[in-house]
Protein backbone atom coordinates (compact mmCIF):
# COMPACT_ATOMS: atom_id res chain seq x y z
CA MET A 1 -9.41 14.85 18.15
CA LYS A 2 -12.07 17.77 18.99
CA ASP A 3 -11.14 19.58 15.79
CA PRO A 4 -13.31 17.91 12.43
CA GLU A 5 -10.08 19.25 10.68
CA PHE A 6 -7.99 17.03 12.63
CA ARG A 7 -9.98 13.98 12.56
CA VAL A 8 -10.00 14.15 8.92
CA GLU A 9 -6.68 14.11 8.48
CA TYR A 10 -6.02 11.48 10.93
CA ALA A 11 -8.46 9.05 9.09
CA ARG A 12 -7.03 9.71 5.93
CA ILE A 13 -3.32 9.05 7.52
CA GLU A 14 -4.94 5.68 9.54
CA GLU A 15 -6.02 4.38 5.70
CA GLU A 16 -2.76 5.33 4.37
CA TYR A 17 -0.86 3.59 7.00
CA ALA A 18 -3.24 0.37 6.92
CA LEU A 19 -2.51 0.21 3.09
CA ILE A 20 1.03 0.40 3.54
CA GLU A 21 1.01 -2.53 6.59
CA ALA A 22 -1.08 -4.75 4.08
CA MET A 23 1.49 -4.42 1.38
CA VAL A 24 4.58 -5.27 3.55
CA ARG A 25 2.07 -8.10 4.95
CA ALA A 26 1.39 -9.52 1.81
CA ARG A 27 5.04 -9.23 0.49
CA ALA A 28 6.13 -11.08 3.50
CA ALA A 29 3.38 -14.10 3.56
CA ALA A 30 4.81 -14.53 -0.35
CA ASN A 31 8.29 -14.94 1.26
CA LEU A 32 9.91 -12.12 -0.89
CA THR A 33 12.31 -9.40 -0.28
CA GLN A 34 12.25 -5.98 -1.73
CA ALA A 35 14.54 -6.91 -4.85
CA GLU A 36 12.51 -9.77 -5.53
CA LEU A 37 9.38 -8.24 -5.51
CA ALA A 38 10.94 -5.51 -7.54
CA LEU A 39 12.24 -7.96 -10.32
CA ARG A 40 8.58 -9.20 -10.60
CA LEU A 41 7.11 -5.81 -10.76
CA GLY A 42 9.86 -4.80 -13.64
CA THR A 43 11.01 -2.30 -11.43
CA THR A 44 13.80 -1.46 -8.43
CA GLN A 45 14.46 -1.97 -4.93
CA SER A 46 14.51 1.38 -4.30
CA ALA A 47 11.01 1.89 -5.74
CA VAL A 48 9.44 -0.79 -3.75
CA ALA A 49 10.87 1.04 -0.69
CA ARG A 50 9.19 3.89 -1.68
CA LEU A 51 6.06 2.40 -1.76
CA GLU A 52 6.03 0.46 1.28
CA GLY A 53 7.54 3.48 3.16
CA GLY A 54 4.51 5.80 2.15
CA ARG A 55 6.74 8.48 0.03
CA VAL A 56 4.70 7.89 -2.74
CA SER A 57 0.99 7.12 -3.51
CA PRO A 58 0.57 4.26 -5.77
CA SER A 59 -2.14 4.04 -8.60
CA PHE A 60 -4.37 1.41 -8.73
CA ALA A 61 -2.74 -0.36 -11.65
CA THR A 62 0.46 -0.29 -9.39
CA LEU A 63 -1.77 -1.51 -6.36
CA ARG A 64 -3.07 -4.21 -8.79
CA ARG A 65 0.32 -5.70 -9.96
CA TYR A 66 1.74 -5.18 -6.38
CA ALA A 67 -1.15 -7.53 -5.61
CA GLU A 68 -0.62 -10.22 -8.30
CA ALA A 69 3.06 -10.46 -7.39
CA THR A 70 2.51 -11.30 -4.08
CA GLY A 71 -0.05 -13.69 -4.52
CA ALA A 72 -2.53 -11.44 -3.02
CA ARG A 73 -6.24 -10.11 -3.79
CA LEU A 74 -6.46 -6.22 -4.13
CA SER A 75 -9.82 -5.34 -2.78
CA VAL A 76 -10.88 -1.60 -3.12
CA SER A 77 -13.99 0.17 -1.36
CA LEU A 78 -15.91 3.36 -1.42
CA GLU A 79 -18.57 4.06 1.66
CA LEU A 80 -20.49 7.26 2.05
CA ALA A 81 -19.04 9.46 4.79
CA ASN A 82 -21.61 10.13 7.56
């Protein structure tokens, strides 16, 4: 953690994993399987698995649709770096 570049990369990955975890929690709270969520999103179970596995970077529109399909609220913030 002494290397500034490492800290930046670690923070970036940490935020991505926090988002993925929140997505999975929202789906679980909605009591949906990946296949059921896929039907609501008009996509496939494998596409939902890729989203939740971090293998793709979802667009804002996809995140909004995911939130709506799970009954969650999407909240995004942009903070100035120190």
